[in-house]
Amino acid sequence: MNSPVAACSAAGTLLLYLLVSTLAFRDRWSGERFVAGISASLVNSTNLGLPIAAYVLGDIRLAAPVIAFQLAIYTPLYIILLDQVSGERNIKRRSNMSAKNAKYSRRLFTTLNTFVQSAANPIALGALMGLLFSWKQWRVPDFLDETLDLVGGAAVPLLLLSFGLSLVGNKPLSRSEGRRLDVLIAAVFKLVLHPLLAYLTAVLFFQLEGPALLAAVVMAGLPSAQNVFVAAIRYGTGEITARDTVLVTTVLAAPTIALFVVLL
């Protein structure tokens, strides 16, 4: 039942953050608010989720449903949405047509641009191909399998390296960057609201209790995934909020998860 709980709690956290940020940060571009919302709802289910599932929950398999949900559903969806909002912004910037013609042309080009970008996005394609190969139990040729293993093995170290490099010369939660409140709200949503929604969803809708309930709450209480920062860089928006939210939640997640274990 962890996958439905993860889906409901992540979607609820994202929607509530977008609501709050729309009221609190009217000057922010919608794409930036969306990246912050993803920071508040996407958990580090692999790098931290697997060891925490093993050593805190006693079963590494408890992280698998959350990983599957995020890789197969959540990540492709938010990437497609980021494609759409970034495409709309680029078209608005490039458009030099009259207001009347631009209105209809922008809609057409936005639709085409979104479709092309989404169809060719490697993250969405990778998730779909992974599901297809798993379902059909297909295997790629050995020479290609070795190449994919090599690239896959380098992905996490390169991601952590890029995140570490982003901290060089930058002061987290700097007032001069003007995103301190964004980060603090996203961190509270990630570490408090997200696991609370997971608890309510698990109890009220799926009647979970005992170890299953603890697993749902602990998985939701994991810190923000570094993938959000990579997406923020890719789409050129929300980099500061994503970077600092990942850092803050990673530091504070250990005591909050320990609290959940004690309470449950």
C-alpha atoms as a PDB file:
ATOM      1  CA  MET A   1       0.000   0.000   0.000  1.00  0.00           C
ATOM      2  CA  ASN A   2       3.008   2.324   0.141  1.00  0.00           C
ATOM      3  CA  SER A   3       2.642   3.405  -3.495  1.00  0.00           C
ATOM      4  CA  PRO A   4      -0.907   4.818  -3.128  1.00  0.00           C
ATOM      5  CA  VAL A   5       0.043   6.492   0.149  1.00  0.00           C
ATOM      6  CA  ALA A   6       3.157   7.969  -1.455  1.00  0.00           C
ATOM      7  CA  ALA A   7       1.128   9.214  -4.429  1.00  0.00           C
ATOM      8  CA  CYS A   8      -1.606  10.827  -2.331  1.00  0.00           C
ATOM      9  CA  SER A   9       0.740  12.459   0.165  1.00  0.00           C
ATOM     10  CA  ALA A  10       3.114  13.771  -2.516  1.00  0.00           C
ATOM     11  CA  ALA A  11       0.276  15.194  -4.611  1.00  0.00           C
ATOM     12  CA  GLY A  12      -1.346  16.755  -1.545  1.00  0.00           C
ATOM     13  CA  THR A  13       1.919  18.356  -0.436  1.00  0.00           C
ATOM     14  CA  LEU A  14       2.576  19.748  -3.906  1.00  0.00           C
ATOM     15  CA  LEU A  15      -0.920  21.206  -4.291  1.00  0.00           C
ATOM     16  CA  LEU A  16      -0.900  22.762  -0.824  1.00  0.00           C
ATOM     17  CA  TYR A  17       2.513  24.308  -1.430  1.00  0.00           C
ATOM     18  CA  LEU A  18       1.386  25.755  -4.751  1.00  0.00           C
ATOM     19  CA  LEU A  19      -1.651  27.249  -3.025  1.00  0.00           C
ATOM     20  CA  VAL A  20       0.383  28.800  -0.214  1.00  0.00           C
ATOM     21  CA  SER A  21       3.162  30.034  -2.499  1.00  0.00           C
ATOM     22  CA  THR A  22       0.675  31.584  -4.935  1.00  0.00           C
ATOM     23  CA  LEU A  23      -0.716  33.659  -2.080  1.00  0.00           C
ATOM     24  CA  ALA A  24       2.638  34.409  -0.429  1.00  0.00           C
ATOM     25  CA  PHE A  25       4.912  34.854  -3.463  1.00  0.00           C
ATOM     26  CA  ARG A  26       2.901  36.578  -6.148  1.00  0.00           C
ATOM     27  CA  ASP A  27       6.075  37.965  -7.726  1.00  0.00           C
ATOM     28  CA  ARG A  28       7.491  34.478  -8.416  1.00  0.00           C
ATOM     29  CA  TRP A  29       7.181  32.916 -11.843  1.00  0.00           C
ATOM     30  CA  SER A  30       4.893  29.873 -11.818  1.00  0.00           C
ATOM     31  CA  GLY A  31       7.765  27.601 -12.851  1.00  0.00           C
ATOM     32  CA  GLU A  32       9.810  28.648  -9.836  1.00  0.00           C
ATOM     33  CA  ARG A  33       6.919  27.990  -7.478  1.00  0.00           C
ATOM     34  CA  PHE A  34       6.411  24.605  -9.111  1.00  0.00           C
ATOM     35  CA  VAL A  35      10.071  23.627  -8.624  1.00  0.00           C
ATOM     36  CA  ALA A  36       9.799  24.612  -4.955  1.00  0.00           C
ATOM     37  CA  GLY A  37       6.646  22.501  -4.666  1.00  0.00           C
ATOM     38  CA  ILE A  38       8.474  19.516  -6.115  1.00  0.00           C
ATOM     39  CA  SER A  39      11.272  20.122  -3.595  1.00  0.00           C
ATOM     40  CA  ALA A  40       8.670  19.847  -0.848  1.00  0.00           C
ATOM     41  CA  SER A  41       7.134  16.612  -2.153  1.00  0.00           C
ATOM     42  CA  LEU A  42       9.836  14.515  -3.886  1.00  0.00           C
ATOM     43  CA  VAL A  43      11.773  12.300  -1.470  1.00  0.00           C
ATOM     44  CA  ASN A  44      15.302  10.949  -1.675  1.00  0.00           C
ATOM     45  CA  SER A  45      13.982   7.426  -1.984  1.00  0.00           C
ATOM     46  CA  THR A  46      17.170   5.771  -3.281  1.00  0.00           C
ATOM     47  CA  ASN A  47      20.349   7.248  -1.768  1.00  0.00           C
ATOM     48  CA  LEU A  48      18.763   7.626   1.679  1.00  0.00           C
ATOM     49  CA  GLY A  49      15.527   5.667   1.308  1.00  0.00           C
ATOM     50  CA  LEU A  50      17.210   2.287   0.787  1.00  0.00           C
ATOM     51  CA  PRO A  51      19.593   2.443   3.766  1.00  0.00           C
ATOM     52  CA  ILE A  52      16.902   3.894   6.044  1.00  0.00           C
ATOM     53  CA  ALA A  53      14.476   1.177   4.979  1.00  0.00           C
ATOM     54  CA  ALA A  54      17.158  -1.409   5.776  1.00  0.00           C
ATOM     55  CA  TYR A  55      18.411  -0.094   9.111  1.00  0.00           C
ATOM     56  CA  VAL A  56      15.386   1.730  10.527  1.00  0.00           C
ATOM     57  CA  LEU A  57      12.498  -0.314   9.155  1.00  0.00           C
ATOM     58  CA  GLY A  58      14.347  -3.608   8.852  1.00  0.00           C
ATOM     59  CA  ASP A  59      13.304  -4.351   5.272  1.00  0.00           C
ATOM     60  CA  ILE A  60      14.886  -2.759   2.217  1.00  0.00           C
ATOM     61  CA  ARG A  61      11.857  -3.744   0.120  1.00  0.00           C
ATOM     62  CA  LEU A  62       9.738  -1.102   1.874  1.00  0.00           C
ATOM     63  CA  ALA A  63      11.470   1.588  -0.188  1.00  0.00           C
ATOM     64  CA  ALA A  64      10.683  -0.131  -3.495  1.00  0.00           C
ATOM     65  CA  PRO A  65       7.059   1.084  -3.912  1.00  0.00           C
ATOM     66  CA  VAL A  66       8.084   4.706  -3.310  1.00  0.00           C
ATOM     67  CA  ILE A  67      10.978   4.416  -5.765  1.00  0.00           C
ATOM     68  CA  ALA A  68       8.693   2.871  -8.378  1.00  0.00           C
ATOM     69  CA  PHE A  69       6.059   5.587  -7.956  1.00  0.00           C
ATOM     70  CA  GLN A  70       8.561   8.417  -8.220  1.00  0.00           C
ATOM     71  CA  LEU A  71      10.520   7.038 -11.177  1.00  0.00           C
ATOM     72  CA  ALA A  72       7.602   5.689 -13.189  1.00  0.00           C
ATOM     73  CA  ILE A  73       4.926   8.306 -12.511  1.00  0.00           C
ATOM     74  CA  TYR A  74       5.876  11.356 -10.491  1.00  0.00           C
ATOM     75  CA  THR A  75       9.162  12.319 -12.159  1.00  0.00           C
ATOM     76  CA  PRO A  76       7.915  12.012 -15.772  1.00  0.00           C
ATOM     77  CA  LEU A  77       4.808  14.028 -14.869  1.00  0.00           C
ATOM     78  CA  TYR A  78       6.630  16.953 -13.299  1.00  0.00           C
ATOM     79  CA  ILE A  79       9.203  16.955 -16.093  1.00  0.00           C
ATOM     80  CA  ILE A  80       6.401  17.169 -18.671  1.00  0.00           C
ATOM     81  CA  LEU A  81       4.779  20.022 -16.722  1.00  0.00           C
ATOM     82  CA  LEU A  82       8.101  21.857 -16.502  1.00  0.00           C
ATOM     83  CA  ASP A  83       8.467  21.389 -20.254  1.00  0.00           C
ATOM     84  CA  GLN A  84       5.099  23.025 -20.710  1.00  0.00           C
ATOM     85  CA  VAL A  85       5.621  26.049 -18.475  1.00  0.00           C
ATOM     86  CA  SER A  86       9.134  26.662 -19.792  1.00  0.00           C
ATOM     87  CA  GLY A  87       7.877  26.355 -23.360  1.00  0.00           C
ATOM     88  CA  GLU A  88       5.187  28.943 -22.712  1.00  0.00           C
ATOM     89  CA  ARG A  89       7.721  31.338 -21.220  1.00  0.00           C
ATOM     90  CA  ASN A  90      10.147  30.940 -24.124  1.00  0.00           C
ATOM     91  CA  ILE A  91       7.417  31.544 -26.672  1.00  0.00           C
ATOM     92  CA  LYS A  92       6.259  34.667 -24.881  1.00  0.00           C
ATOM     93  CA  ARG A  93       9.813  35.984 -24.864  1.00  0.00           C
ATOM     94  CA  ARG A  94      10.390  35.346 -28.549  1.00  0.00           C
ATOM     95  CA  SER A  95       7.051  36.505 -29.822  1.00  0.00           C
ATOM     96  CA  ASN A  96       7.161  39.855 -31.669  1.00  0.00           C
ATOM     97  CA  MET A  97       3.782  39.515 -33.320  1.00  0.00           C
ATOM     98  CA  SER A  98       0.732  41.658 -32.761  1.00  0.00           C
ATOM     99  CA  ALA A  99      -1.335  40.909 -29.670  1.00  0.00           C
ATOM    100  CA  LYS A 100      -4.211  39.388 -31.638  1.00  0.00           C
ATOM    101  CA  ASN A 101      -2.082  37.104 -33.771  1.00  0.00           C
ATOM    102  CA  ALA A 102       0.195  36.241 -30.887  1.00  0.00           C
ATOM    103  CA  LYS A 103      -2.712  34.984 -28.799  1.00  0.00           C
ATOM    104  CA  TYR A 104      -3.637  32.172 -31.189  1.00  0.00           C
ATOM    105  CA  SER A 105      -0.131  31.507 -32.477  1.00  0.00           C
ATOM    106  CA  ARG A 106       1.196  31.209 -28.952  1.00  0.00           C
ATOM    107  CA  ARG A 107      -1.389  28.566 -28.120  1.00  0.00           C
ATOM    108  CA  LEU A 108      -0.548  26.560 -31.227  1.00  0.00           C
ATOM    109  CA  PHE A 109       3.209  26.781 -30.830  1.00  0.00           C
ATOM    110  CA  THR A 110       2.982  26.118 -27.093  1.00  0.00           C
ATOM    111  CA  THR A 111       1.007  22.929 -27.727  1.00  0.00           C
ATOM    112  CA  LEU A 112       3.398  21.729 -30.433  1.00  0.00           C
ATOM    113  CA  ASN A 113       6.456  22.694 -28.399  1.00  0.00           C
ATOM    114  CA  THR A 114       5.158  20.909 -25.310  1.00  0.00           C
ATOM    115  CA  PHE A 115       4.340  17.753 -27.273  1.00  0.00           C
ATOM    116  CA  VAL A 116       7.746  17.617 -28.984  1.00  0.00           C
ATOM    117  CA  GLN A 117       9.703  18.333 -25.801  1.00  0.00           C
ATOM    118  CA  SER A 118       7.723  15.859 -23.714  1.00  0.00           C
ATOM    119  CA  ALA A 119       7.921  13.117 -26.340  1.00  0.00           C
ATOM    120  CA  ALA A 120      11.697  13.528 -26.637  1.00  0.00           C
ATOM    121  CA  ASN A 121      12.448  14.027 -22.939  1.00  0.00           C
ATOM    122  CA  PRO A 122      14.974  11.357 -21.874  1.00  0.00           C
ATOM    123  CA  ILE A 123      13.575  11.087 -18.341  1.00  0.00           C
ATOM    124  CA  ALA A 124      10.042  10.389 -19.527  1.00  0.00           C
ATOM    125  CA  LEU A 125      11.300   8.039 -22.247  1.00  0.00           C
ATOM    126  CA  GLY A 126      13.571   6.225 -19.810  1.00  0.00           C
ATOM    127  CA  ALA A 127      10.751   5.674 -17.336  1.00  0.00           C
ATOM    128  CA  LEU A 128       8.401   4.373 -20.029  1.00  0.00           C
ATOM    129  CA  MET A 129      11.037   2.098 -21.554  1.00  0.00           C
ATOM    130  CA  GLY A 130      11.951   0.771 -18.112  1.00  0.00           C
ATOM    131  CA  LEU A 131       8.328  -0.100 -17.410  1.00  0.00           C
ATOM    132  CA  LEU A 132       7.946  -1.719 -20.825  1.00  0.00           C
ATOM    133  CA  PHE A 133      11.113  -3.813 -20.505  1.00  0.00           C
ATOM    134  CA  SER A 134      10.150  -4.872 -16.974  1.00  0.00           C
ATOM    135  CA  TRP A 135       6.628  -5.822 -18.048  1.00  0.00           C
ATOM    136  CA  LYS A 136       7.768  -7.786 -21.110  1.00  0.00           C
ATOM    137  CA  GLN A 137      10.885  -9.103 -19.339  1.00  0.00           C
ATOM    138  CA  TRP A 138      13.026  -8.004 -22.263  1.00  0.00           C
ATOM    139  CA  ARG A 139      16.808  -7.696 -22.121  1.00  0.00           C
ATOM    140  CA  VAL A 140      19.109  -5.480 -24.103  1.00  0.00           C
ATOM    141  CA  PRO A 141      22.212  -6.909 -25.864  1.00  0.00           C
ATOM    142  CA  ASP A 142      25.218  -7.490 -23.610  1.00  0.00           C
ATOM    143  CA  PHE A 143      27.366  -4.740 -25.154  1.00  0.00           C
ATOM    144  CA  LEU A 144      24.563  -2.200 -24.642  1.00  0.00           C
ATOM    145  CA  ASP A 145      23.818  -3.521 -21.162  1.00  0.00           C
ATOM    146  CA  GLU A 146      27.448  -2.906 -20.127  1.00  0.00           C
ATOM    147  CA  THR A 147      27.286   0.643 -21.459  1.00  0.00           C
ATOM    148  CA  LEU A 148      24.036   1.361 -19.632  1.00  0.00           C
ATOM    149  CA  ASP A 149      25.483  -0.080 -16.417  1.00  0.00           C
ATOM    150  CA  LEU A 150      28.500   2.198 -16.755  1.00  0.00           C
ATOM    151  CA  VAL A 151      26.388   5.304 -17.335  1.00  0.00           C
ATOM    152  CA  GLY A 152      23.957   4.332 -14.587  1.00  0.00           C
ATOM    153  CA  GLY A 153      26.788   3.743 -12.137  1.00  0.00           C
ATOM    154  CA  ALA A 154      28.138   7.241 -12.786  1.00  0.00           C
ATOM    155  CA  ALA A 155      24.751   8.959 -12.428  1.00  0.00           C
ATOM    156  CA  VAL A 156      24.574   9.199  -8.633  1.00  0.00           C
ATOM    157  CA  PRO A 157      28.218  10.272  -8.076  1.00  0.00           C
ATOM    158  CA  LEU A 158      27.900  12.920 -10.788  1.00  0.00           C
ATOM    159  CA  LEU A 159      24.629  14.158  -9.294  1.00  0.00           C
ATOM    160  CA  LEU A 160      26.194  14.482  -5.841  1.00  0.00           C
ATOM    161  CA  LEU A 161      29.258  16.150  -7.346  1.00  0.00           C
ATOM    162  CA  SER A 162      27.156  18.731  -9.177  1.00  0.00           C
ATOM    163  CA  PHE A 163      25.192  19.447  -6.012  1.00  0.00           C
ATOM    164  CA  GLY A 164      28.390  19.873  -4.013  1.00  0.00           C
ATOM    165  CA  LEU A 165      29.846  22.210  -6.622  1.00  0.00           C
ATOM    166  CA  SER A 166      26.706  24.352  -6.448  1.00  0.00           C
ATOM    167  CA  LEU A 167      27.486  25.064  -2.775  1.00  0.00           C
ATOM    168  CA  VAL A 168      30.966  26.421  -3.513  1.00  0.00           C
ATOM    169  CA  GLY A 169      31.014  30.186  -2.996  1.00  0.00           C
ATOM    170  CA  ASN A 170      27.341  30.256  -2.012  1.00  0.00           C
ATOM    171  CA  LYS A 171      25.893  30.776   1.447  1.00  0.00           C
ATOM    172  CA  PRO A 172      22.777  28.679   2.119  1.00  0.00           C
ATOM    173  CA  LEU A 173      19.720  30.641   3.232  1.00  0.00           C
ATOM    174  CA  SER A 174      21.400  33.888   2.265  1.00  0.00           C
ATOM    175  CA  ARG A 175      19.158  36.899   2.759  1.00  0.00           C
ATOM    176  CA  SER A 176      20.679  38.599  -0.285  1.00  0.00           C
ATOM    177  CA  GLU A 177      19.356  35.866  -2.591  1.00  0.00           C
ATOM    178  CA  GLY A 178      15.805  36.603  -1.462  1.00  0.00           C
ATOM    179  CA  ARG A 179      14.634  32.992  -1.225  1.00  0.00           C
ATOM    180  CA  ARG A 180      15.010  32.257   2.473  1.00  0.00           C
ATOM    181  CA  LEU A 181      11.271  32.180   3.182  1.00  0.00           C
ATOM    182  CA  ASP A 182      10.658  30.002   0.116  1.00  0.00           C
ATOM    183  CA  VAL A 183      13.189  27.469   1.393  1.00  0.00           C
ATOM    184  CA  LEU A 184      11.901  27.460   4.965  1.00  0.00           C
ATOM    185  CA  ILE A 185       8.298  26.902   3.865  1.00  0.00           C
ATOM    186  CA  ALA A 186       9.345  24.137   1.455  1.00  0.00           C
ATOM    187  CA  ALA A 187      11.440  22.473   4.190  1.00  0.00           C
ATOM    188  CA  VAL A 188       8.551  22.549   6.687  1.00  0.00           C
ATOM    189  CA  PHE A 189       6.232  21.100   4.074  1.00  0.00           C
ATOM    190  CA  LYS A 190       8.758  18.365   3.274  1.00  0.00           C
ATOM    191  CA  LEU A 191       9.668  17.326   6.806  1.00  0.00           C
ATOM    192  CA  VAL A 192       6.366  17.942   8.603  1.00  0.00           C
ATOM    193  CA  LEU A 193       3.386  18.256   6.272  1.00  0.00           C
ATOM    194  CA  HIS A 194       4.385  15.487   3.853  1.00  0.00           C
ATOM    195  CA  PRO A 195       4.716  12.774   6.548  1.00  0.00           C
ATOM    196  CA  LEU A 196       1.590  14.096   8.276  1.00  0.00           C
ATOM    197  CA  LEU A 197      -0.407  13.703   5.060  1.00  0.00           C
ATOM    198  CA  ALA A 198       1.093  10.230   4.626  1.00  0.00           C
ATOM    199  CA  TYR A 199      -0.043   9.333   8.150  1.00  0.00           C
ATOM    200  CA  LEU A 200      -3.577  10.625   7.594  1.00  0.00           C
ATOM    201  CA  THR A 201      -3.838   8.923   4.197  1.00  0.00           C
ATOM    202  CA  ALA A 202      -2.534   5.617   5.536  1.00  0.00           C
ATOM    203  CA  VAL A 203      -4.858   5.613   8.552  1.00  0.00           C
ATOM    204  CA  LEU A 204      -8.043   7.092   7.100  1.00  0.00           C
ATOM    205  CA  PHE A 205      -8.081   5.565   3.617  1.00  0.00           C
ATOM    206  CA  PHE A 206      -5.987   2.398   3.826  1.00  0.00           C
ATOM    207  CA  GLN A 207      -6.341   1.484   7.522  1.00  0.00           C
ATOM    208  CA  LEU A 208      -2.621   0.840   7.879  1.00  0.00           C
ATOM    209  CA  GLU A 209      -1.124   0.275  11.306  1.00  0.00           C
ATOM    210  CA  GLY A 210       2.012  -1.011  12.955  1.00  0.00           C
ATOM    211  CA  PRO A 211       5.123  -1.453  10.770  1.00  0.00           C
ATOM    212  CA  ALA A 212       3.225  -0.632   7.564  1.00  0.00           C
ATOM    213  CA  LEU A 213       2.114   2.730   8.957  1.00  0.00           C
ATOM    214  CA  LEU A 214       5.593   3.499  10.252  1.00  0.00           C
ATOM    215  CA  ALA A 215       7.092   2.688   6.850  1.00  0.00           C
ATOM    216  CA  ALA A 216       4.664   5.007   5.050  1.00  0.00           C
ATOM    217  CA  VAL A 217       5.437   7.902   7.389  1.00  0.00           C
ATOM    218  CA  VAL A 218       9.212   7.387   7.440  1.00  0.00           C
ATOM    219  CA  MET A 219       9.396   7.186   3.639  1.00  0.00           C
ATOM    220  CA  ALA A 220       7.397  10.414   3.351  1.00  0.00           C
ATOM    221  CA  GLY A 221       9.700  12.066   5.906  1.00  0.00           C
ATOM    222  CA  LEU A 222      12.822  11.530   3.806  1.00  0.00           C
ATOM    223  CA  PRO A 223      14.610  14.713   2.654  1.00  0.00           C
ATOM    224  CA  SER A 224      14.181  16.308  -0.763  1.00  0.00           C
ATOM    225  CA  ALA A 225      15.757  14.464  -3.678  1.00  0.00           C
ATOM    226  CA  GLN A 226      18.745  16.011  -5.454  1.00  0.00           C
ATOM    227  CA  ASN A 227      16.922  15.299  -8.724  1.00  0.00           C
ATOM    228  CA  VAL A 228      14.911  18.458  -8.088  1.00  0.00           C
ATOM    229  CA  PHE A 229      18.069  20.557  -8.216  1.00  0.00           C
ATOM    230  CA  VAL A 230      19.074  18.927 -11.507  1.00  0.00           C
ATOM    231  CA  ALA A 231      15.638  19.726 -12.955  1.00  0.00           C
ATOM    232  CA  ALA A 232      15.892  23.320 -11.688  1.00  0.00           C
ATOM    233  CA  ILE A 233      19.205  23.750 -13.508  1.00  0.00           C
ATOM    234  CA  ARG A 234      17.836  22.099 -16.649  1.00  0.00           C
ATOM    235  CA  TYR A 235      14.885  24.495 -16.844  1.00  0.00           C
ATOM    236  CA  GLY A 236      16.695  27.540 -15.481  1.00  0.00           C
ATOM    237  CA  THR A 237      14.338  28.313 -12.621  1.00  0.00           C
ATOM    238  CA  GLY A 238      14.178  27.796  -8.856  1.00  0.00           C
ATOM    239  CA  GLU A 239      17.830  26.740  -8.532  1.00  0.00           C
ATOM    240  CA  ILE A 240      18.397  28.573  -5.244  1.00  0.00           C
ATOM    241  CA  THR A 241      15.228  27.260  -3.608  1.00  0.00           C
ATOM    242  CA  ALA A 242      15.831  23.702  -4.807  1.00  0.00           C
ATOM    243  CA  ARG A 243      19.480  23.694  -3.720  1.00  0.00           C
ATOM    244  CA  ASP A 244      18.865  25.091  -0.243  1.00  0.00           C
ATOM    245  CA  THR A 245      15.764  22.955   0.366  1.00  0.00           C
ATOM    246  CA  VAL A 246      17.722  19.793  -0.445  1.00  0.00           C
ATOM    247  CA  LEU A 247      20.502  20.881   1.901  1.00  0.00           C
ATOM    248  CA  VAL A 248      18.259  21.937   4.798  1.00  0.00           C
ATOM    249  CA  THR A 249      16.009  18.875   4.650  1.00  0.00           C
ATOM    250  CA  THR A 250      18.971  16.500   4.374  1.00  0.00           C
ATOM    251  CA  VAL A 251      20.474  17.968   7.546  1.00  0.00           C
ATOM    252  CA  LEU A 252      17.206  17.994   9.506  1.00  0.00           C
ATOM    253  CA  ALA A 253      15.679  14.728   8.285  1.00  0.00           C
ATOM    254  CA  ALA A 254      17.582  12.496  10.726  1.00  0.00           C
ATOM    255  CA  PRO A 255      16.077  13.970  13.915  1.00  0.00           C
ATOM    256  CA  THR A 256      12.573  14.219  12.419  1.00  0.00           C
ATOM    257  CA  ILE A 257      12.643  10.595  11.242  1.00  0.00           C
ATOM    258  CA  ALA A 258      13.881   9.553  14.686  1.00  0.00           C
ATOM    259  CA  LEU A 259      10.914  11.411  16.176  1.00  0.00           C
ATOM    260  CA  PHE A 260       8.491   9.560  13.904  1.00  0.00           C
ATOM    261  CA  VAL A 261       9.982   6.239  14.977  1.00  0.00           C
ATOM    262  CA  VAL A 262       9.579   7.147  18.648  1.00  0.00           C
ATOM    263  CA  LEU A 263       6.007   8.358  18.214  1.00  0.00           C
ATOM    264  CA  LEU A 264       4.852   5.412  16.114  1.00  0.00           C
END
